[in-house]
Amino acid sequence: TQRIRECFAELGRRFSDLVTIGKEPGGAEIVADPIRNAIREAEQVLD
């Protein structure tokens, strides 16, 4: 469905953005909690 396609695409973009930030100096500490939250959200979507 379009809704699921959009959800997957949005989550993918969010993860990509967080990784980009995380690769900057000191960025991993900044994005650690948001990445954990995004992983939980992805798990809920997949569930």
ModelCIF file with pLDDT and N, C-alpha, C, O atoms, coordinates in Angstrom:
data_MODEL
#
_entry.id   MODEL 
#
_entity.id                         1 
_entity.type                       polymer 
_entity.pdbx_number_of_molecules   1 
#
_entity_poly.entity_id                      1 
_entity_poly.type                           'polypeptide(L)' 
_entity_poly.nstd_linkage                   no 
_entity_poly.nstd_monomer                   no 
_entity_poly.pdbx_seq_one_letter_code       TQRIRECFAELGRRFSDLVTIGKEPGGAEIVADPIRNAIREAEQVLD 
_entity_poly.pdbx_seq_one_letter_code_can   TQRIRECFAELGRRFSDLVTIGKEPGGAEIVADPIRNAIREAEQVLD 
_entity_poly.pdbx_strand_id                 A 
#
loop_
_entity_poly_seq.entity_id 
_entity_poly_seq.num 
_entity_poly_seq.mon_id 
_entity_poly_seq.hetero 
1 1  THR n 
1 2  GLN n 
1 3  ARG n 
1 4  ILE n 
1 5  ARG n 
1 6  GLU n 
1 7  CYS n 
1 8  PHE n 
1 9  ALA n 
1 10 GLU n 
1 11 LEU n 
1 12 GLY n 
1 13 ARG n 
1 14 ARG n 
1 15 PHE n 
1 16 SER n 
1 17 ASP n 
1 18 LEU n 
1 19 VAL n 
1 20 THR n 
1 21 ILE n 
1 22 GLY n 
1 23 LYS n 
1 24 GLU n 
1 25 PRO n 
1 26 GLY n 
1 27 GLY n 
1 28 ALA n 
1 29 GLU n 
1 30 ILE n 
1 31 VAL n 
1 32 ALA n 
1 33 ASP n 
1 34 PRO n 
1 35 ILE n 
1 36 ARG n 
1 37 ASN n 
1 38 ALA n 
1 39 ILE n 
1 40 ARG n 
1 41 GLU n 
1 42 ALA n 
1 43 GLU n 
1 44 GLN n 
1 45 VAL n 
1 46 LEU n 
1 47 ASP n 
#
_struct_asym.id          A 
_struct_asym.entity_id   1 
#
loop_
_ma_qa_metric.id 
_ma_qa_metric.mode 
_ma_qa_metric.name 
_ma_qa_metric.software_group_id 
_ma_qa_metric.type 
1 global pLDDT . pLDDT 
2 local  pLDDT . pLDDT 
#
_ma_qa_metric_global.metric_id      1 
_ma_qa_metric_global.metric_value   92.70 
_ma_qa_metric_global.model_id       1 
_ma_qa_metric_global.ordinal_id     1 
#
loop_
_ma_qa_metric_local.label_asym_id 
_ma_qa_metric_local.label_comp_id 
_ma_qa_metric_local.label_seq_id 
_ma_qa_metric_local.metric_id 
_ma_qa_metric_local.metric_value 
_ma_qa_metric_local.model_id 
_ma_qa_metric_local.ordinal_id 
A THR 1  2 87.00 1 1  
A GLN 2  2 91.00 1 2  
A ARG 3  2 89.00 1 3  
A ILE 4  2 88.00 1 4  
A ARG 5  2 89.00 1 5  
A GLU 6  2 91.00 1 6  
A CYS 7  2 91.00 1 7  
A PHE 8  2 90.00 1 8  
A ALA 9  2 92.00 1 9  
A GLU 10 2 93.00 1 10 
A LEU 11 2 93.00 1 11 
A GLY 12 2 93.00 1 12 
A ARG 13 2 94.00 1 13 
A ARG 14 2 94.00 1 14 
A PHE 15 2 94.00 1 15 
A SER 16 2 95.00 1 16 
A ASP 17 2 96.00 1 17 
A LEU 18 2 96.00 1 18 
A VAL 19 2 96.00 1 19 
A THR 20 2 96.00 1 20 
A ILE 21 2 96.00 1 21 
A GLY 22 2 95.00 1 22 
A LYS 23 2 94.00 1 23 
A GLU 24 2 95.00 1 24 
A PRO 25 2 94.00 1 25 
A GLY 26 2 92.00 1 26 
A GLY 27 2 94.00 1 27 
A ALA 28 2 93.00 1 28 
A GLU 29 2 92.00 1 29 
A ILE 30 2 94.00 1 30 
A VAL 31 2 95.00 1 31 
A ALA 32 2 93.00 1 32 
A ASP 33 2 94.00 1 33 
A PRO 34 2 95.00 1 34 
A ILE 35 2 95.00 1 35 
A ARG 36 2 93.00 1 36 
A ASN 37 2 94.00 1 37 
A ALA 38 2 94.00 1 38 
A ILE 39 2 93.00 1 39 
A ARG 40 2 94.00 1 40 
A GLU 41 2 92.00 1 41 
A ALA 42 2 91.00 1 42 
A GLU 43 2 91.00 1 43 
A GLN 44 2 92.00 1 44 
A VAL 45 2 88.00 1 45 
A LEU 46 2 87.00 1 46 
A ASP 47 2 89.00 1 47 
#
loop_
_atom_site.group_PDB 
_atom_site.id 
_atom_site.type_symbol 
_atom_site.label_atom_id 
_atom_site.label_alt_id 
_atom_site.label_comp_id 
_atom_site.label_asym_id 
_atom_site.label_entity_id 
_atom_site.label_seq_id 
_atom_site.pdbx_PDB_ins_code 
_atom_site.Cartn_x 
_atom_site.Cartn_y 
_atom_site.Cartn_z 
_atom_site.occupancy 
_atom_site.B_iso_or_equiv 
_atom_site.pdbx_formal_charge 
_atom_site.auth_seq_id 
_atom_site.auth_comp_id 
_atom_site.auth_asym_id 
_atom_site.auth_atom_id 
_atom_site.pdbx_PDB_model_num 
ATOM 1   N N  . THR A 1 1  ? 0.829  -1.209 0.000  1.00 87.00 ? 1  THR A N  1 
ATOM 2   C CA . THR A 1 1  ? 0.000  0.000  0.000  1.00 87.00 ? 1  THR A CA 1 
ATOM 3   C C  . THR A 1 1  ? 0.860  1.254  0.000  1.00 87.00 ? 1  THR A C  1 
ATOM 4   O O  . THR A 1 1  ? 2.012  1.240  0.433  1.00 87.00 ? 1  THR A O  1 
ATOM 5   N N  . GLN A 1 2  ? 0.280  2.328  -0.491 1.00 91.00 ? 2  GLN A N  1 
ATOM 6   C CA . GLN A 1 2  ? 0.966  3.626  -0.531 1.00 91.00 ? 2  GLN A CA 1 
ATOM 7   C C  . GLN A 1 2  ? 1.353  4.063  0.876  1.00 91.00 ? 2  GLN A C  1 
ATOM 8   O O  . GLN A 1 2  ? 2.451  4.583  1.080  1.00 91.00 ? 2  GLN A O  1 
ATOM 9   N N  . ARG A 1 3  ? 0.487  3.864  1.827  1.00 89.00 ? 3  ARG A N  1 
ATOM 10  C CA . ARG A 1 3  ? 0.755  4.273  3.213  1.00 89.00 ? 3  ARG A CA 1 
ATOM 11  C C  . ARG A 1 3  ? 1.996  3.577  3.753  1.00 89.00 ? 3  ARG A C  1 
ATOM 12  O O  . ARG A 1 3  ? 2.832  4.209  4.398  1.00 89.00 ? 3  ARG A O  1 
ATOM 13  N N  . ILE A 1 4  ? 2.119  2.289  3.495  1.00 88.00 ? 4  ILE A N  1 
ATOM 14  C CA . ILE A 1 4  ? 3.275  1.535  3.983  1.00 88.00 ? 4  ILE A CA 1 
ATOM 15  C C  . ILE A 1 4  ? 4.530  1.933  3.209  1.00 88.00 ? 4  ILE A C  1 
ATOM 16  O O  . ILE A 1 4  ? 5.610  2.039  3.792  1.00 88.00 ? 4  ILE A O  1 
ATOM 17  N N  . ARG A 1 5  ? 4.396  2.153  1.912  1.00 89.00 ? 5  ARG A N  1 
ATOM 18  C CA . ARG A 1 5  ? 5.546  2.607  1.114  1.00 89.00 ? 5  ARG A CA 1 
ATOM 19  C C  . ARG A 1 5  ? 6.067  3.929  1.662  1.00 89.00 ? 5  ARG A C  1 
ATOM 20  O O  . ARG A 1 5  ? 7.275  4.105  1.826  1.00 89.00 ? 5  ARG A O  1 
ATOM 21  N N  . GLU A 1 6  ? 5.158  4.856  1.944  1.00 91.00 ? 6  GLU A N  1 
ATOM 22  C CA . GLU A 1 6  ? 5.562  6.157  2.470  1.00 91.00 ? 6  GLU A CA 1 
ATOM 23  C C  . GLU A 1 6  ? 6.184  6.035  3.854  1.00 91.00 ? 6  GLU A C  1 
ATOM 24  O O  . GLU A 1 6  ? 7.159  6.721  4.160  1.00 91.00 ? 6  GLU A O  1 
ATOM 25  N N  . CYS A 1 7  ? 5.631  5.173  4.684  1.00 91.00 ? 7  CYS A N  1 
ATOM 26  C CA . CYS A 1 7  ? 6.160  4.950  6.025  1.00 91.00 ? 7  CYS A CA 1 
ATOM 27  C C  . CYS A 1 7  ? 7.589  4.406  5.952  1.00 91.00 ? 7  CYS A C  1 
ATOM 28  O O  . CYS A 1 7  ? 8.475  4.893  6.654  1.00 91.00 ? 7  CYS A O  1 
ATOM 29  N N  . PHE A 1 8  ? 7.813  3.403  5.108  1.00 90.00 ? 8  PHE A N  1 
ATOM 30  C CA . PHE A 1 8  ? 9.154  2.827  4.950  1.00 90.00 ? 8  PHE A CA 1 
ATOM 31  C C  . PHE A 1 8  ? 10.129 3.879  4.421  1.00 90.00 ? 8  PHE A C  1 
ATOM 32  O O  . PHE A 1 8  ? 11.252 3.997  4.912  1.00 90.00 ? 8  PHE A O  1 
ATOM 33  N N  . ALA A 1 9  ? 9.693  4.637  3.419  1.00 92.00 ? 9  ALA A N  1 
ATOM 34  C CA . ALA A 1 9  ? 10.566 5.658  2.837  1.00 92.00 ? 9  ALA A CA 1 
ATOM 35  C C  . ALA A 1 9  ? 10.926 6.717  3.878  1.00 92.00 ? 9  ALA A C  1 
ATOM 36  O O  . ALA A 1 9  ? 12.083 7.128  3.972  1.00 92.00 ? 9  ALA A O  1 
ATOM 37  N N  . GLU A 1 10 ? 9.946  7.156  4.654  1.00 93.00 ? 10 GLU A N  1 
ATOM 38  C CA . GLU A 1 10 ? 10.204 8.174  5.689  1.00 93.00 ? 10 GLU A CA 1 
ATOM 39  C C  . GLU A 1 10 ? 11.158 7.643  6.752  1.00 93.00 ? 10 GLU A C  1 
ATOM 40  O O  . GLU A 1 10 ? 12.094 8.338  7.146  1.00 93.00 ? 10 GLU A O  1 
ATOM 41  N N  . LEU A 1 11 ? 10.930 6.425  7.219  1.00 93.00 ? 11 LEU A N  1 
ATOM 42  C CA . LEU A 1 11 ? 11.840 5.844  8.212  1.00 93.00 ? 11 LEU A CA 1 
ATOM 43  C C  . LEU A 1 11 ? 13.243 5.700  7.634  1.00 93.00 ? 11 LEU A C  1 
ATOM 44  O O  . LEU A 1 11 ? 14.227 5.967  8.323  1.00 93.00 ? 11 LEU A O  1 
ATOM 45  N N  . GLY A 1 12 ? 13.340 5.287  6.396  1.00 93.00 ? 12 GLY A N  1 
ATOM 46  C CA . GLY A 1 12 ? 14.646 5.154  5.750  1.00 93.00 ? 12 GLY A CA 1 
ATOM 47  C C  . GLY A 1 12 ? 15.375 6.481  5.677  1.00 93.00 ? 12 GLY A C  1 
ATOM 48  O O  . GLY A 1 12 ? 16.574 6.555  5.946  1.00 93.00 ? 12 GLY A O  1 
ATOM 49  N N  . ARG A 1 13 ? 14.646 7.536  5.311  1.00 94.00 ? 13 ARG A N  1 
ATOM 50  C CA . ARG A 1 13 ? 15.248 8.879  5.256  1.00 94.00 ? 13 ARG A CA 1 
ATOM 51  C C  . ARG A 1 13 ? 15.688 9.329  6.643  1.00 94.00 ? 13 ARG A C  1 
ATOM 52  O O  . ARG A 1 13 ? 16.757 9.918  6.803  1.00 94.00 ? 13 ARG A O  1 
ATOM 53  N N  . ARG A 1 14 ? 14.863 9.049  7.638  1.00 94.00 ? 14 ARG A N  1 
ATOM 54  C CA . ARG A 1 14 ? 15.209 9.449  9.002  1.00 94.00 ? 14 ARG A CA 1 
ATOM 55  C C  . ARG A 1 14 ? 16.495 8.756  9.462  1.00 94.00 ? 14 ARG A C  1 
ATOM 56  O O  . ARG A 1 14 ? 17.381 9.392  10.033 1.00 94.00 ? 14 ARG A O  1 
ATOM 57  N N  . PHE A 1 15 ? 16.588 7.448  9.209  1.00 94.00 ? 15 PHE A N  1 
ATOM 58  C CA . PHE A 1 15 ? 17.812 6.726  9.565  1.00 94.00 ? 15 PHE A CA 1 
ATOM 59  C C  . PHE A 1 15 ? 19.011 7.311  8.812  1.00 94.00 ? 15 PHE A C  1 
ATOM 60  O O  . PHE A 1 15 ? 20.072 7.512  9.403  1.00 94.00 ? 15 PHE A O  1 
ATOM 61  N N  . SER A 1 16 ? 18.852 7.582  7.522  1.00 95.00 ? 16 SER A N  1 
ATOM 62  C CA . SER A 1 16 ? 19.952 8.148  6.731  1.00 95.00 ? 16 SER A CA 1 
ATOM 63  C C  . SER A 1 16 ? 20.405 9.489  7.296  1.00 95.00 ? 16 SER A C  1 
ATOM 64  O O  . SER A 1 16 ? 21.602 9.751  7.411  1.00 95.00 ? 16 SER A O  1 
ATOM 65  N N  . ASP A 1 17 ? 19.444 10.329 7.644  1.00 96.00 ? 17 ASP A N  1 
ATOM 66  C CA . ASP A 1 17 ? 19.780 11.636 8.231  1.00 96.00 ? 17 ASP A CA 1 
ATOM 67  C C  . ASP A 1 17 ? 20.529 11.476 9.547  1.00 96.00 ? 17 ASP A C  1 
ATOM 68  O O  . ASP A 1 17 ? 21.509 12.176 9.802  1.00 96.00 ? 17 ASP A O  1 
ATOM 69  N N  . LEU A 1 18 ? 20.063 10.552 10.381 1.00 96.00 ? 18 LEU A N  1 
ATOM 70  C CA . LEU A 1 18 ? 20.724 10.329 11.668 1.00 96.00 ? 18 LEU A CA 1 
ATOM 71  C C  . LEU A 1 18 ? 22.149 9.804  11.467 1.00 96.00 ? 18 LEU A C  1 
ATOM 72  O O  . LEU A 1 18 ? 23.064 10.210 12.183 1.00 96.00 ? 18 LEU A O  1 
ATOM 73  N N  . VAL A 1 19 ? 22.338 8.918  10.511 1.00 96.00 ? 19 VAL A N  1 
ATOM 74  C CA . VAL A 1 19 ? 23.680 8.390  10.236 1.00 96.00 ? 19 VAL A CA 1 
ATOM 75  C C  . VAL A 1 19 ? 24.591 9.516  9.758  1.00 96.00 ? 19 VAL A C  1 
ATOM 76  O O  . VAL A 1 19 ? 25.747 9.596  10.176 1.00 96.00 ? 19 VAL A O  1 
ATOM 77  N N  . THR A 1 20 ? 24.088 10.378 8.896  1.00 96.00 ? 20 THR A N  1 
ATOM 78  C CA . THR A 1 20 ? 24.888 11.507 8.408  1.00 96.00 ? 20 THR A CA 1 
ATOM 79  C C  . THR A 1 20 ? 25.342 12.373 9.574  1.00 96.00 ? 20 THR A C  1 
ATOM 80  O O  . THR A 1 20 ? 26.513 12.745 9.651  1.00 96.00 ? 20 THR A O  1 
ATOM 81  N N  . ILE A 1 21 ? 24.439 12.691 10.470 1.00 96.00 ? 21 ILE A N  1 
ATOM 82  C CA . ILE A 1 21 ? 24.784 13.484 11.656 1.00 96.00 ? 21 ILE A CA 1 
ATOM 83  C C  . ILE A 1 21 ? 25.761 12.712 12.536 1.00 96.00 ? 21 ILE A C  1 
ATOM 84  O O  . ILE A 1 21 ? 26.728 13.275 13.049 1.00 96.00 ? 21 ILE A O  1 
ATOM 85  N N  . GLY A 1 22 ? 25.500 11.429 12.705 1.00 95.00 ? 22 GLY A N  1 
ATOM 86  C CA . GLY A 1 22 ? 26.323 10.604 13.576 1.00 95.00 ? 22 GLY A CA 1 
ATOM 87  C C  . GLY A 1 22 ? 27.756 10.465 13.113 1.00 95.00 ? 22 GLY A C  1 
ATOM 88  O O  . GLY A 1 22 ? 28.642 10.225 13.933 1.00 95.00 ? 22 GLY A O  1 
ATOM 89  N N  . LYS A 1 23 ? 28.011 10.608 11.829 1.00 94.00 ? 23 LYS A N  1 
ATOM 90  C CA . LYS A 1 23 ? 29.368 10.485 11.302 1.00 94.00 ? 23 LYS A CA 1 
ATOM 91  C C  . LYS A 1 23 ? 30.198 11.743 11.497 1.00 94.00 ? 23 LYS A C  1 
ATOM 92  O O  . LYS A 1 23 ? 31.415 11.722 11.312 1.00 94.00 ? 23 LYS A O  1 
ATOM 93  N N  . GLU A 1 24 ? 29.552 12.829 11.866 1.00 95.00 ? 24 GLU A N  1 
ATOM 94  C CA . GLU A 1 24 ? 30.278 14.063 12.149 1.00 95.00 ? 24 GLU A CA 1 
ATOM 95  C C  . GLU A 1 24 ? 30.977 13.935 13.506 1.00 95.00 ? 24 GLU A C  1 
ATOM 96  O O  . GLU A 1 24 ? 30.551 13.134 14.338 1.00 95.00 ? 24 GLU A O  1 
ATOM 97  N N  . PRO A 1 25 ? 32.035 14.704 13.743 1.00 94.00 ? 25 PRO A N  1 
ATOM 98  C CA . PRO A 1 25 ? 32.717 14.640 15.046 1.00 94.00 ? 25 PRO A CA 1 
ATOM 99  C C  . PRO A 1 25 ? 31.735 14.888 16.197 1.00 94.00 ? 25 PRO A C  1 
ATOM 100 O O  . PRO A 1 25 ? 31.042 15.905 16.227 1.00 94.00 ? 25 PRO A O  1 
ATOM 101 N N  . GLY A 1 26 ? 31.691 13.955 17.127 1.00 92.00 ? 26 GLY A N  1 
ATOM 102 C CA . GLY A 1 26 ? 30.795 14.061 18.278 1.00 92.00 ? 26 GLY A CA 1 
ATOM 103 C C  . GLY A 1 26 ? 29.341 13.744 17.962 1.00 92.00 ? 26 GLY A C  1 
ATOM 104 O O  . GLY A 1 26 ? 28.492 13.766 18.853 1.00 92.00 ? 26 GLY A O  1 
ATOM 105 N N  . GLY A 1 27 ? 29.056 13.455 16.725 1.00 94.00 ? 27 GLY A N  1 
ATOM 106 C CA . GLY A 1 27 ? 27.670 13.243 16.303 1.00 94.00 ? 27 GLY A CA 1 
ATOM 107 C C  . GLY A 1 27 ? 27.056 11.956 16.806 1.00 94.00 ? 27 GLY A C  1 
ATOM 108 O O  . GLY A 1 27 ? 25.848 11.895 17.036 1.00 94.00 ? 27 GLY A O  1 
ATOM 109 N N  . ALA A 1 28 ? 27.877 10.912 16.984 1.00 93.00 ? 28 ALA A N  1 
ATOM 110 C CA . ALA A 1 28 ? 27.337 9.621  17.419 1.00 93.00 ? 28 ALA A CA 1 
ATOM 111 C C  . ALA A 1 28 ? 26.643 9.745  18.776 1.00 93.00 ? 28 ALA A C  1 
ATOM 112 O O  . ALA A 1 28 ? 25.599 9.133  19.004 1.00 93.00 ? 28 ALA A O  1 
ATOM 113 N N  . GLU A 1 29 ? 27.217 10.525 19.655 1.00 92.00 ? 29 GLU A N  1 
ATOM 114 C CA . GLU A 1 29 ? 26.595 10.716 20.972 1.00 92.00 ? 29 GLU A CA 1 
ATOM 115 C C  . GLU A 1 29 ? 25.267 11.456 20.846 1.00 92.00 ? 29 GLU A C  1 
ATOM 116 O O  . GLU A 1 29 ? 24.321 11.184 21.584 1.00 92.00 ? 29 GLU A O  1 
ATOM 117 N N  . ILE A 1 30 ? 25.207 12.387 19.909 1.00 94.00 ? 30 ILE A N  1 
ATOM 118 C CA . ILE A 1 30 ? 23.997 13.191 19.715 1.00 94.00 ? 30 ILE A CA 1 
ATOM 119 C C  . ILE A 1 30 ? 22.851 12.333 19.178 1.00 94.00 ? 30 ILE A C  1 
ATOM 120 O O  . ILE A 1 30 ? 21.702 12.507 19.582 1.00 94.00 ? 30 ILE A O  1 
ATOM 121 N N  . VAL A 1 31 ? 23.163 11.410 18.273 1.00 95.00 ? 31 VAL A N  1 
ATOM 122 C CA . VAL A 1 31 ? 22.103 10.651 17.611 1.00 95.00 ? 31 VAL A CA 1 
ATOM 123 C C  . VAL A 1 31 ? 21.821 9.286  18.244 1.00 95.00 ? 31 VAL A C  1 
ATOM 124 O O  . VAL A 1 31 ? 20.928 8.573  17.787 1.00 95.00 ? 31 VAL A O  1 
ATOM 125 N N  . ALA A 1 32 ? 22.554 8.918  19.268 1.00 93.00 ? 32 ALA A N  1 
ATOM 126 C CA . ALA A 1 32 ? 22.372 7.584  19.864 1.00 93.00 ? 32 ALA A CA 1 
ATOM 127 C C  . ALA A 1 32 ? 20.925 7.356  20.301 1.00 93.00 ? 32 ALA A C  1 
ATOM 128 O O  . ALA A 1 32 ? 20.325 6.348  19.926 1.00 93.00 ? 32 ALA A O  1 
ATOM 129 N N  . ASP A 1 33 ? 20.363 8.260  21.075 1.00 94.00 ? 33 ASP A N  1 
ATOM 130 C CA . ASP A 1 33 ? 18.975 8.083  21.531 1.00 94.00 ? 33 ASP A CA 1 
ATOM 131 C C  . ASP A 1 33 ? 17.976 8.157  20.379 1.00 94.00 ? 33 ASP A C  1 
ATOM 132 O O  . ASP A 1 33 ? 17.078 7.318  20.302 1.00 94.00 ? 33 ASP A O  1 
ATOM 133 N N  . PRO A 1 34 ? 18.106 9.145  19.473 1.00 95.00 ? 34 PRO A N  1 
ATOM 134 C CA . PRO A 1 34 ? 17.178 9.157  18.336 1.00 95.00 ? 34 PRO A CA 1 
ATOM 135 C C  . PRO A 1 34 ? 17.261 7.892  17.485 1.00 95.00 ? 34 PRO A C  1 
ATOM 136 O O  . PRO A 1 34 ? 16.238 7.441  16.969 1.00 95.00 ? 34 PRO A O  1 
ATOM 137 N N  . ILE A 1 35 ? 18.452 7.304  17.323 1.00 95.00 ? 35 ILE A N  1 
ATOM 138 C CA . ILE A 1 35 ? 18.569 6.063  16.565 1.00 95.00 ? 35 ILE A CA 1 
ATOM 139 C C  . ILE A 1 35 ? 17.853 4.938  17.301 1.00 95.00 ? 35 ILE A C  1 
ATOM 140 O O  . ILE A 1 35 ? 17.131 4.152  16.688 1.00 95.00 ? 35 ILE A O  1 
ATOM 141 N N  . ARG A 1 36 ? 18.050 4.859  18.608 1.00 93.00 ? 36 ARG A N  1 
ATOM 142 C CA . ARG A 1 36 ? 17.343 3.820  19.381 1.00 93.00 ? 36 ARG A CA 1 
ATOM 143 C C  . ARG A 1 36 ? 15.826 3.990  19.257 1.00 93.00 ? 36 ARG A C  1 
ATOM 144 O O  . ARG A 1 36 ? 15.098 3.008  19.116 1.00 93.00 ? 36 ARG A O  1 
ATOM 145 N N  . ASN A 1 37 ? 15.360 5.228  19.310 1.00 94.00 ? 37 ASN A N  1 
ATOM 146 C CA . ASN A 1 37 ? 13.922 5.485  19.160 1.00 94.00 ? 37 ASN A CA 1 
ATOM 147 C C  . ASN A 1 37 ? 13.436 5.095  17.763 1.00 94.00 ? 37 ASN A C  1 
ATOM 148 O O  . ASN A 1 37 ? 12.358 4.519  17.618 1.00 94.00 ? 37 ASN A O  1 
ATOM 149 N N  . ALA A 1 38 ? 14.221 5.405  16.747 1.00 94.00 ? 38 ALA A N  1 
ATOM 150 C CA . ALA A 1 38 ? 13.839 5.053  15.376 1.00 94.00 ? 38 ALA A CA 1 
ATOM 151 C C  . ALA A 1 38 ? 13.828 3.535  15.188 1.00 94.00 ? 38 ALA A C  1 
ATOM 152 O O  . ALA A 1 38 ? 12.982 3.005  14.467 1.00 94.00 ? 38 ALA A O  1 
ATOM 153 N N  . ILE A 1 39 ? 14.759 2.840  15.828 1.00 93.00 ? 39 ILE A N  1 
ATOM 154 C CA . ILE A 1 39 ? 14.773 1.371  15.751 1.00 93.00 ? 39 ILE A CA 1 
ATOM 155 C C  . ILE A 1 39 ? 13.506 0.811  16.379 1.00 93.00 ? 39 ILE A C  1 
ATOM 156 O O  . ILE A 1 39 ? 12.897 -0.107 15.830 1.00 93.00 ? 39 ILE A O  1 
ATOM 157 N N  . ARG A 1 40 ? 13.106 1.349  17.515 1.00 94.00 ? 40 ARG A N  1 
ATOM 158 C CA . ARG A 1 40 ? 11.852 0.891  18.153 1.00 94.00 ? 40 ARG A CA 1 
ATOM 159 C C  . ARG A 1 40 ? 10.662 1.152  17.246 1.00 94.00 ? 40 ARG A C  1 
ATOM 160 O O  . ARG A 1 40 ? 9.773  0.311  17.115 1.00 94.00 ? 40 ARG A O  1 
ATOM 161 N N  . GLU A 1 41 ? 10.649 2.321  16.620 1.00 92.00 ? 41 GLU A N  1 
ATOM 162 C CA . GLU A 1 41 ? 9.542  2.648  15.714 1.00 92.00 ? 41 GLU A CA 1 
ATOM 163 C C  . GLU A 1 41 ? 9.520  1.696  14.522 1.00 92.00 ? 41 GLU A C  1 
ATOM 164 O O  . GLU A 1 41 ? 8.454  1.225  14.124 1.00 92.00 ? 41 GLU A O  1 
ATOM 165 N N  . ALA A 1 42 ? 10.685 1.412  13.955 1.00 91.00 ? 42 ALA A N  1 
ATOM 166 C CA . ALA A 1 42 ? 10.757 0.477  12.825 1.00 91.00 ? 42 ALA A CA 1 
ATOM 167 C C  . ALA A 1 42 ? 10.281 -0.908 13.256 1.00 91.00 ? 42 ALA A C  1 
ATOM 168 O O  . ALA A 1 42 ? 9.569  -1.579 12.508 1.00 91.00 ? 42 ALA A O  1 
ATOM 169 N N  . GLU A 1 43 ? 10.665 -1.339 14.450 1.00 91.00 ? 43 GLU A N  1 
ATOM 170 C CA . GLU A 1 43 ? 10.205 -2.639 14.955 1.00 91.00 ? 43 GLU A CA 1 
ATOM 171 C C  . GLU A 1 43 ? 8.691  -2.668 15.092 1.00 91.00 ? 43 GLU A C  1 
ATOM 172 O O  . GLU A 1 43 ? 8.064  -3.680 14.780 1.00 91.00 ? 43 GLU A O  1 
ATOM 173 N N  . GLN A 1 44 ? 8.094  -1.575 15.552 1.00 92.00 ? 44 GLN A N  1 
ATOM 174 C CA . GLN A 1 44 ? 6.640  -1.513 15.694 1.00 92.00 ? 44 GLN A CA 1 
ATOM 175 C C  . GLN A 1 44 ? 5.957  -1.580 14.326 1.00 92.00 ? 44 GLN A C  1 
ATOM 176 O O  . GLN A 1 44 ? 4.944  -2.261 14.163 1.00 92.00 ? 44 GLN A O  1 
ATOM 177 N N  . VAL A 1 45 ? 6.515  -0.873 13.353 1.00 88.00 ? 45 VAL A N  1 
ATOM 178 C CA . VAL A 1 45 ? 5.941  -0.898 12.001 1.00 88.00 ? 45 VAL A CA 1 
ATOM 179 C C  . VAL A 1 45 ? 6.011  -2.315 11.436 1.00 88.00 ? 45 VAL A C  1 
ATOM 180 O O  . VAL A 1 45 ? 5.034  -2.821 10.884 1.00 88.00 ? 45 VAL A O  1 
ATOM 181 N N  . LEU A 1 46 ? 7.160  -2.942 11.577 1.00 87.00 ? 46 LEU A N  1 
ATOM 182 C CA . LEU A 1 46 ? 7.316  -4.296 11.061 1.00 87.00 ? 46 LEU A CA 1 
ATOM 183 C C  . LEU A 1 46 ? 6.424  -5.284 11.800 1.00 87.00 ? 46 LEU A C  1 
ATOM 184 O O  . LEU A 1 46 ? 5.867  -6.196 11.190 1.00 87.00 ? 46 LEU A O  1 
ATOM 185 N N  . ASP A 1 47 ? 6.287  -5.108 13.106 1.00 89.00 ? 47 ASP A N  1 
ATOM 186 C CA . ASP A 1 47 ? 5.395  -5.963 13.884 1.00 89.00 ? 47 ASP A CA 1 
ATOM 187 C C  . ASP A 1 47 ? 3.955  -5.810 13.394 1.00 89.00 ? 47 ASP A C  1 
ATOM 188 O O  . ASP A 1 47 ? 3.050  -6.453 13.927 1.00 89.00 ? 47 ASP A O  1 
#
